[in-house]
Amino acid sequence: MKREVLVCDHQSTVPVPPAWLVALEEAGVKAAEEIENAHLCGGNPPLVALEEIDVALVDDPESDRVHRDFMGIEGATDVITFEHGEIVIGVEVAKRQAAEYGEPELRELLRYLVHGLLHLAGHEDEAEETRATMEKIQESLVIKLWAGVEQRAGS
């Protein structure tokens, strides 16, 4: 199936170069293919049926609003994933986490994109055991995709 991953910047707080959006879109398509081809899906994954995945980069106030409205949890967060194929990524959260962990901001955004795709593939991170499995897959995909993302983005 031909799949599209569309990454749109819906905030103006953190500068996100257009090349980053393109690099994330391409990486998203590759990550989704890798998840499916390597049979890394869990449960009943909506990812398999999705032809389009929309990724919204948002600021803290919008992340907080979505987090409260749809999950009943206050505060901005890194990633919120909806089964219909929307992933909401908190760009300010990514910027803070990247600084805390000494990572490039783009790599942190890639990590959140992969995390959202894994949720769409049926993975959950509520329990410690499932979170560990999800993080292991996530980090291996980030490592695999990073060089291409970095090169495409001109970072």
N, C-alpha and C. Protein backbone atom coordinates (compact mmCIF):
# COMPACT_ATOMS: atom_id res chain seq x y z
N MET A 1 0.84 -1.18 0.00
CA MET A 1 0.00 0.00 0.00
C MET A 1 0.89 1.25 0.00
N LYS A 2 0.51 2.21 -0.79
CA LYS A 2 1.20 3.50 -0.81
C LYS A 2 0.69 4.31 0.37
N ARG A 3 1.61 4.76 1.21
CA ARG A 3 1.23 5.50 2.41
C ARG A 3 1.90 6.86 2.40
N GLU A 4 1.17 7.85 2.91
CA GLU A 4 1.71 9.20 3.05
C GLU A 4 1.77 9.56 4.52
N VAL A 5 2.83 10.22 4.90
CA VAL A 5 2.93 10.80 6.24
C VAL A 5 3.11 12.30 6.01
N LEU A 6 2.14 13.07 6.48
CA LEU A 6 2.16 14.52 6.30
C LEU A 6 2.48 15.19 7.63
N VAL A 7 3.57 15.93 7.67
CA VAL A 7 3.98 16.61 8.90
C VAL A 7 3.77 18.11 8.70
N CYS A 8 2.93 18.70 9.56
CA CYS A 8 2.61 20.13 9.45
C CYS A 8 2.97 20.83 10.76
N ASP A 9 3.58 21.98 10.62
CA ASP A 9 3.98 22.79 11.77
C ASP A 9 2.85 23.76 12.10
N HIS A 10 2.17 23.53 13.21
CA HIS A 10 1.03 24.35 13.63
C HIS A 10 1.39 25.27 14.79
N GLN A 11 2.64 25.65 14.89
CA GLN A 11 3.06 26.50 15.99
C GLN A 11 4.15 27.45 15.48
N SER A 12 4.40 28.48 16.27
CA SER A 12 5.44 29.44 15.86
C SER A 12 6.43 29.71 17.00
N THR A 13 6.35 28.94 18.05
CA THR A 13 7.21 29.14 19.21
C THR A 13 8.63 28.65 18.97
N VAL A 14 8.76 27.47 18.38
CA VAL A 14 10.06 26.86 18.11
C VAL A 14 10.25 26.81 16.59
N PRO A 15 11.30 27.43 16.07
CA PRO A 15 11.52 27.38 14.62
C PRO A 15 11.75 25.94 14.14
N VAL A 16 10.98 25.54 13.14
CA VAL A 16 11.13 24.22 12.53
C VAL A 16 11.36 24.44 11.04
N PRO A 17 12.59 24.22 10.57
CA PRO A 17 12.88 24.43 9.15
C PRO A 17 12.04 23.53 8.25
N PRO A 18 11.63 24.03 7.10
CA PRO A 18 10.86 23.21 6.16
C PRO A 18 11.56 21.90 5.80
N ALA A 19 12.88 21.91 5.72
CA ALA A 19 13.62 20.68 5.39
C ALA A 19 13.40 19.61 6.47
N TRP A 20 13.19 20.03 7.72
CA TRP A 20 12.92 19.07 8.79
C TRP A 20 11.59 18.38 8.54
N LEU A 21 10.59 19.14 8.10
CA LEU A 21 9.26 18.57 7.86
C LEU A 21 9.35 17.49 6.78
N VAL A 22 10.05 17.79 5.70
CA VAL A 22 10.22 16.83 4.60
C VAL A 22 10.98 15.60 5.09
N ALA A 23 12.04 15.81 5.84
CA ALA A 23 12.84 14.69 6.36
C ALA A 23 11.99 13.81 7.28
N LEU A 24 11.17 14.43 8.11
CA LEU A 24 10.30 13.65 9.01
C LEU A 24 9.23 12.90 8.22
N GLU A 25 8.69 13.52 7.19
CA GLU A 25 7.70 12.82 6.36
C GLU A 25 8.30 11.56 5.74
N GLU A 26 9.48 11.71 5.15
CA GLU A 26 10.14 10.56 4.52
C GLU A 26 10.48 9.49 5.55
N ALA A 27 10.96 9.91 6.69
CA ALA A 27 11.30 8.96 7.76
C ALA A 27 10.04 8.26 8.28
N GLY A 28 8.95 8.99 8.35
CA GLY A 28 7.69 8.40 8.80
C GLY A 28 7.22 7.29 7.89
N VAL A 29 7.32 7.51 6.59
CA VAL A 29 6.95 6.47 5.62
C VAL A 29 7.86 5.25 5.79
N LYS A 30 9.16 5.49 5.90
CA LYS A 30 10.11 4.39 6.07
C LYS A 30 9.87 3.64 7.38
N ALA A 31 9.61 4.38 8.44
CA ALA A 31 9.37 3.74 9.74
C ALA A 31 8.12 2.88 9.70
N ALA A 32 7.04 3.39 9.09
CA ALA A 32 5.80 2.62 9.00
C ALA A 32 6.02 1.34 8.20
N GLU A 33 6.76 1.46 7.09
CA GLU A 33 7.07 0.27 6.28
C GLU A 33 7.89 -0.73 7.09
N GLU A 34 8.88 -0.23 7.80
CA GLU A 34 9.73 -1.11 8.61
C GLU A 34 8.92 -1.81 9.69
N ILE A 35 8.04 -1.08 10.34
CA ILE A 35 7.19 -1.66 11.39
C ILE A 35 6.36 -2.80 10.82
N GLU A 36 5.76 -2.57 9.66
CA GLU A 36 4.93 -3.61 9.05
C GLU A 36 5.77 -4.75 8.48
N ASN A 37 6.83 -4.45 7.75
CA ASN A 37 7.63 -5.49 7.10
C ASN A 37 8.36 -6.38 8.09
N ALA A 38 8.76 -5.81 9.22
CA ALA A 38 9.46 -6.60 10.24
C ALA A 38 8.49 -7.21 11.25
N HIS A 39 7.20 -7.06 10.95
CA HIS A 39 6.15 -7.61 11.82
C HIS A 39 6.30 -7.12 13.26
N LEU A 40 6.49 -5.81 13.39
CA LEU A 40 6.66 -5.22 14.70
C LEU A 40 5.34 -4.69 15.26
N CYS A 41 4.23 -5.08 14.63
CA CYS A 41 2.92 -4.63 15.10
C CYS A 41 2.50 -5.47 16.29
N GLY A 42 1.73 -4.86 17.17
CA GLY A 42 1.17 -5.56 18.30
C GLY A 42 -0.33 -5.38 18.30
N GLY A 43 -1.06 -6.26 18.93
CA GLY A 43 -2.50 -6.12 19.06
C GLY A 43 -3.22 -6.03 17.73
N ASN A 44 -4.18 -5.11 17.64
CA ASN A 44 -4.98 -4.89 16.44
C ASN A 44 -4.62 -3.53 15.87
N PRO A 45 -3.56 -3.45 15.08
CA PRO A 45 -3.01 -2.15 14.69
C PRO A 45 -3.81 -1.43 13.60
N PRO A 46 -4.25 -0.19 13.86
CA PRO A 46 -4.88 0.59 12.81
C PRO A 46 -3.89 1.00 11.73
N LEU A 47 -2.59 0.98 12.04
CA LEU A 47 -1.56 1.39 11.08
C LEU A 47 -1.70 0.65 9.75
N VAL A 48 -2.02 -0.62 9.81
CA VAL A 48 -2.08 -1.45 8.62
C VAL A 48 -3.06 -0.90 7.59
N ALA A 49 -4.15 -0.31 8.03
CA ALA A 49 -5.19 0.17 7.12
C ALA A 49 -5.06 1.65 6.76
N LEU A 50 -4.12 2.36 7.34
CA LEU A 50 -4.03 3.80 7.12
C LEU A 50 -3.20 4.14 5.88
N GLU A 51 -3.81 4.87 4.96
CA GLU A 51 -3.09 5.34 3.78
C GLU A 51 -2.43 6.69 4.05
N GLU A 52 -2.97 7.42 5.02
CA GLU A 52 -2.43 8.74 5.34
C GLU A 52 -2.33 8.89 6.85
N ILE A 53 -1.20 9.41 7.28
CA ILE A 53 -0.99 9.71 8.70
C ILE A 53 -0.66 11.19 8.78
N ASP A 54 -1.41 11.90 9.58
CA ASP A 54 -1.21 13.34 9.74
C ASP A 54 -0.50 13.60 11.06
N VAL A 55 0.58 14.35 10.97
CA VAL A 55 1.38 14.68 12.15
C VAL A 55 1.32 16.19 12.34
N ALA A 56 0.85 16.61 13.51
CA ALA A 56 0.75 18.03 13.83
C ALA A 56 1.79 18.39 14.87
N LEU A 57 2.66 19.32 14.54
CA LEU A 57 3.62 19.84 15.51
C LEU A 57 2.96 21.03 16.19
N VAL A 58 2.85 20.97 17.51
CA VAL A 58 2.12 22.00 18.26
C VAL A 58 2.95 22.54 19.42
N ASP A 59 2.52 23.70 19.94
CA ASP A 59 3.20 24.32 21.08
C ASP A 59 2.62 23.78 22.39
N ASP A 60 3.18 24.21 23.50
CA ASP A 60 2.73 23.73 24.82
C ASP A 60 1.25 23.97 25.09
N PRO A 61 0.71 25.18 24.84
CA PRO A 61 -0.71 25.38 25.13
C PRO A 61 -1.62 24.43 24.34
N GLU A 62 -1.31 24.19 23.08
CA GLU A 62 -2.13 23.28 22.28
C GLU A 62 -1.94 21.83 22.71
N SER A 63 -0.71 21.45 23.03
CA SER A 63 -0.45 20.10 23.53
C SER A 63 -1.22 19.87 24.83
N ASP A 64 -1.19 20.85 25.71
CA ASP A 64 -1.92 20.77 26.97
C ASP A 64 -3.42 20.63 26.72
N ARG A 65 -3.96 21.41 25.78
CA ARG A 65 -5.40 21.35 25.48
C ARG A 65 -5.79 19.97 24.97
N VAL A 66 -5.03 19.43 24.02
CA VAL A 66 -5.33 18.11 23.46
C VAL A 66 -5.19 17.04 24.54
N HIS A 67 -4.17 17.14 25.34
CA HIS A 67 -3.92 16.19 26.43
C HIS A 67 -5.09 16.18 27.40
N ARG A 68 -5.58 17.37 27.79
CA ARG A 68 -6.72 17.47 28.71
C ARG A 68 -8.01 17.00 28.05
N ASP A 69 -8.28 17.48 26.84
CA ASP A 69 -9.54 17.18 26.17
C ASP A 69 -9.71 15.70 25.83
N PHE A 70 -8.64 15.05 25.43
CA PHE A 70 -8.78 13.68 24.94
C PHE A 70 -8.27 12.62 25.90
N MET A 71 -7.43 13.02 26.87
CA MET A 71 -6.90 12.02 27.79
C MET A 71 -7.20 12.36 29.25
N GLY A 72 -7.74 13.54 29.48
CA GLY A 72 -8.07 13.94 30.84
C GLY A 72 -6.85 14.20 31.71
N ILE A 73 -5.72 14.53 31.08
CA ILE A 73 -4.48 14.76 31.82
C ILE A 73 -4.01 16.18 31.54
N GLU A 74 -3.71 16.92 32.60
CA GLU A 74 -3.23 18.29 32.42
C GLU A 74 -1.76 18.32 32.07
N GLY A 75 -1.39 19.31 31.28
CA GLY A 75 0.01 19.55 30.96
C GLY A 75 0.37 19.14 29.54
N ALA A 76 1.33 19.86 29.00
CA ALA A 76 1.85 19.53 27.68
C ALA A 76 2.55 18.18 27.74
N THR A 77 2.55 17.47 26.63
CA THR A 77 3.18 16.15 26.57
C THR A 77 3.94 16.00 25.25
N ASP A 78 4.68 14.93 25.14
CA ASP A 78 5.49 14.71 23.94
C ASP A 78 4.66 14.26 22.75
N VAL A 79 3.89 13.20 22.89
CA VAL A 79 3.16 12.62 21.76
C VAL A 79 1.78 12.17 22.19
N ILE A 80 0.79 12.49 21.37
CA ILE A 80 -0.56 11.95 21.55
C ILE A 80 -0.95 11.35 20.20
N THR A 81 -1.42 10.12 20.22
CA THR A 81 -1.74 9.41 18.99
C THR A 81 -3.21 9.04 18.97
N PHE A 82 -3.84 9.27 17.83
CA PHE A 82 -5.24 8.93 17.64
C PHE A 82 -5.34 7.80 16.62
N GLU A 83 -6.21 6.82 16.89
CA GLU A 83 -6.32 5.63 16.05
C GLU A 83 -6.66 5.93 14.59
N HIS A 84 -7.29 7.08 14.34
CA HIS A 84 -7.66 7.41 12.95
C HIS A 84 -6.46 7.91 12.14
N GLY A 85 -5.28 7.97 12.76
CA GLY A 85 -4.08 8.30 12.02
C GLY A 85 -3.55 9.70 12.22
N GLU A 86 -3.84 10.28 13.37
CA GLU A 86 -3.27 11.60 13.67
C GLU A 86 -2.31 11.47 14.85
N ILE A 87 -1.17 12.10 14.70
CA ILE A 87 -0.16 12.13 15.76
C ILE A 87 0.10 13.60 16.08
N VAL A 88 -0.03 13.95 17.35
CA VAL A 88 0.21 15.32 17.80
C VAL A 88 1.52 15.31 18.59
N ILE A 89 2.47 16.13 18.14
CA ILE A 89 3.79 16.18 18.77
C ILE A 89 4.02 17.55 19.39
N GLY A 90 4.39 17.55 20.66
CA GLY A 90 4.71 18.79 21.38
C GLY A 90 6.13 19.23 21.08
N VAL A 91 6.27 20.28 20.27
CA VAL A 91 7.58 20.73 19.84
C VAL A 91 8.37 21.35 20.99
N GLU A 92 7.69 22.07 21.87
CA GLU A 92 8.41 22.66 23.00
C GLU A 92 8.89 21.57 23.95
N VAL A 93 8.10 20.52 24.11
CA VAL A 93 8.52 19.38 24.93
C VAL A 93 9.76 18.74 24.29
N ALA A 94 9.72 18.56 22.98
CA ALA A 94 10.86 17.98 22.27
C ALA A 94 12.11 18.82 22.46
N LYS A 95 11.95 20.14 22.39
CA LYS A 95 13.11 21.03 22.57
C LYS A 95 13.69 20.87 23.97
N ARG A 96 12.84 20.83 24.99
CA ARG A 96 13.31 20.68 26.37
C ARG A 96 13.98 19.32 26.59
N GLN A 97 13.34 18.26 26.08
CA GLN A 97 13.89 16.92 26.26
C GLN A 97 15.21 16.77 25.52
N ALA A 98 15.30 17.33 24.33
CA ALA A 98 16.55 17.26 23.56
C ALA A 98 17.68 17.91 24.33
N ALA A 99 17.41 19.07 24.91
CA ALA A 99 18.43 19.78 25.70
C ALA A 99 18.81 18.96 26.92
N GLU A 100 17.82 18.37 27.58
CA GLU A 100 18.08 17.59 28.79
C GLU A 100 18.94 16.36 28.50
N TYR A 101 18.69 15.71 27.36
CA TYR A 101 19.40 14.47 27.03
C TYR A 101 20.58 14.67 26.07
N GLY A 102 20.86 15.93 25.71
CA GLY A 102 21.98 16.21 24.82
C GLY A 102 21.77 15.67 23.41
N GLU A 103 20.53 15.68 22.96
CA GLU A 103 20.16 15.17 21.64
C GLU A 103 19.86 16.36 20.71
N PRO A 104 20.05 16.20 19.41
CA PRO A 104 19.57 17.22 18.48
C PRO A 104 18.03 17.27 18.53
N GLU A 105 17.47 18.45 18.40
CA GLU A 105 16.00 18.60 18.44
C GLU A 105 15.32 17.76 17.37
N LEU A 106 15.90 17.71 16.18
CA LEU A 106 15.30 16.93 15.10
C LEU A 106 15.26 15.45 15.46
N ARG A 107 16.28 14.95 16.11
CA ARG A 107 16.29 13.54 16.51
C ARG A 107 15.19 13.26 17.53
N GLU A 108 14.96 14.20 18.42
CA GLU A 108 13.88 14.03 19.40
C GLU A 108 12.52 14.03 18.71
N LEU A 109 12.36 14.90 17.72
CA LEU A 109 11.11 14.90 16.94
C LEU A 109 10.94 13.57 16.20
N LEU A 110 12.02 13.04 15.64
CA LEU A 110 11.97 11.73 14.99
C LEU A 110 11.54 10.66 15.99
N ARG A 111 12.11 10.71 17.18
CA ARG A 111 11.77 9.74 18.23
C ARG A 111 10.26 9.79 18.53
N TYR A 112 9.71 11.00 18.62
CA TYR A 112 8.28 11.14 18.93
C TYR A 112 7.42 10.64 17.77
N LEU A 113 7.87 10.88 16.54
CA LEU A 113 7.15 10.38 15.37
C LEU A 113 7.13 8.85 15.38
N VAL A 114 8.27 8.24 15.60
CA VAL A 114 8.34 6.78 15.65
C VAL A 114 7.47 6.26 16.79
N HIS A 115 7.50 6.93 17.92
CA HIS A 115 6.68 6.53 19.07
C HIS A 115 5.20 6.53 18.69
N GLY A 116 4.77 7.60 18.02
CA GLY A 116 3.37 7.68 17.58
C GLY A 116 3.02 6.58 16.60
N LEU A 117 3.92 6.29 15.68
CA LEU A 117 3.68 5.22 14.70
C LEU A 117 3.58 3.86 15.40
N LEU A 118 4.40 3.66 16.42
CA LEU A 118 4.32 2.40 17.17
C LEU A 118 2.99 2.28 17.90
N HIS A 119 2.46 3.39 18.41
CA HIS A 119 1.11 3.35 19.00
C HIS A 119 0.10 2.94 17.93
N LEU A 120 0.23 3.51 16.73
CA LEU A 120 -0.68 3.14 15.64
C LEU A 120 -0.50 1.68 15.24
N ALA A 121 0.66 1.12 15.52
CA ALA A 121 0.93 -0.29 15.22
C ALA A 121 0.47 -1.21 16.35
N GLY A 122 -0.21 -0.65 17.34
CA GLY A 122 -0.78 -1.47 18.41
C GLY A 122 0.04 -1.57 19.67
N HIS A 123 1.15 -0.86 19.76
CA HIS A 123 1.98 -0.91 20.97
C HIS A 123 1.44 0.04 22.03
N GLU A 124 1.59 -0.37 23.26
CA GLU A 124 1.17 0.45 24.40
C GLU A 124 2.36 0.64 25.33
N ASP A 125 2.31 1.74 26.09
CA ASP A 125 3.42 2.02 27.00
C ASP A 125 2.94 2.31 28.42
N GLU A 126 1.76 1.81 28.75
CA GLU A 126 1.24 2.02 30.10
C GLU A 126 1.95 1.12 31.12
N ALA A 127 2.09 -0.14 30.80
CA ALA A 127 2.74 -1.09 31.71
C ALA A 127 4.25 -1.11 31.45
N GLU A 128 5.01 -1.37 32.49
CA GLU A 128 6.48 -1.34 32.38
C GLU A 128 7.00 -2.31 31.32
N GLU A 129 6.44 -3.52 31.28
CA GLU A 129 6.92 -4.53 30.33
C GLU A 129 6.65 -4.11 28.88
N THR A 130 5.44 -3.64 28.59
CA THR A 130 5.11 -3.23 27.22
C THR A 130 5.86 -1.96 26.84
N ARG A 131 6.08 -1.09 27.81
CA ARG A 131 6.84 0.14 27.56
C ARG A 131 8.29 -0.19 27.18
N ALA A 132 8.88 -1.15 27.88
CA ALA A 132 10.26 -1.54 27.59
C ALA A 132 10.37 -2.12 26.18
N THR A 133 9.41 -2.94 25.79
CA THR A 133 9.40 -3.51 24.44
C THR A 133 9.26 -2.41 23.40
N MET A 134 8.33 -1.51 23.66
CA MET A 134 8.08 -0.41 22.72
C MET A 134 9.31 0.49 22.58
N GLU A 135 9.94 0.81 23.70
CA GLU A 135 11.12 1.67 23.66
C GLU A 135 12.29 1.00 22.94
N LYS A 136 12.43 -0.30 23.09
CA LYS A 136 13.50 -1.02 22.40
C LYS A 136 13.31 -0.93 20.89
N ILE A 137 12.10 -1.18 20.43
CA ILE A 137 11.80 -1.09 19.00
C ILE A 137 11.97 0.35 18.53
N GLN A 138 11.46 1.28 19.32
CA GLN A 138 11.54 2.71 18.98
C GLN A 138 12.98 3.15 18.78
N GLU A 139 13.83 2.84 19.73
CA GLU A 139 15.22 3.29 19.66
C GLU A 139 15.97 2.63 18.50
N SER A 140 15.66 1.37 18.21
CA SER A 140 16.33 0.73 17.07
C SER A 140 15.91 1.39 15.76
N LEU A 141 14.65 1.80 15.66
CA LEU A 141 14.19 2.49 14.44
C LEU A 141 14.81 3.89 14.35
N VAL A 142 14.91 4.59 15.47
CA VAL A 142 15.52 5.92 15.46
C VAL A 142 16.97 5.82 14.99
N ILE A 143 17.70 4.85 15.52
CA ILE A 143 19.10 4.65 15.11
C ILE A 143 19.17 4.35 13.61
N LYS A 144 18.29 3.49 13.15
CA LYS A 144 18.30 3.08 11.74
C LYS A 144 17.97 4.25 10.80
N LEU A 145 17.06 5.12 11.21
CA LEU A 145 16.58 6.21 10.34
C LEU A 145 17.37 7.50 10.48
N TRP A 146 18.08 7.69 11.58
CA TRP A 146 18.67 8.99 11.90
C TRP A 146 19.60 9.54 10.83
N ALA A 147 20.51 8.74 10.33
CA ALA A 147 21.48 9.25 9.35
C ALA A 147 20.77 9.82 8.12
N GLY A 148 19.75 9.13 7.63
CA GLY A 148 18.99 9.62 6.48
C GLY A 148 18.23 10.90 6.78
N VAL A 149 17.66 10.99 7.97
CA VAL A 149 16.92 12.19 8.38
C VAL A 149 17.88 13.37 8.48
N GLU A 150 19.00 13.14 9.13
CA GLU A 150 19.99 14.19 9.32
C GLU A 150 20.50 14.69 7.96
N GLN A 151 20.78 13.76 7.07
CA GLN A 151 21.28 14.14 5.75
C GLN A 151 20.22 14.90 4.96
N ARG A 152 18.99 14.40 4.97
CA ARG A 152 17.89 15.02 4.22
C ARG A 152 17.59 16.42 4.74
N ALA A 153 17.70 16.59 6.05
CA ALA A 153 17.39 17.88 6.67
C ALA A 153 18.54 18.87 6.57
N GLY A 154 19.70 18.38 6.18
CA GLY A 154 20.86 19.26 6.08
C GLY A 154 21.40 19.69 7.42
N SER A 155 21.14 18.86 8.44
CA SER A 155 21.59 19.20 9.81
C SER A 155 23.06 18.88 9.99
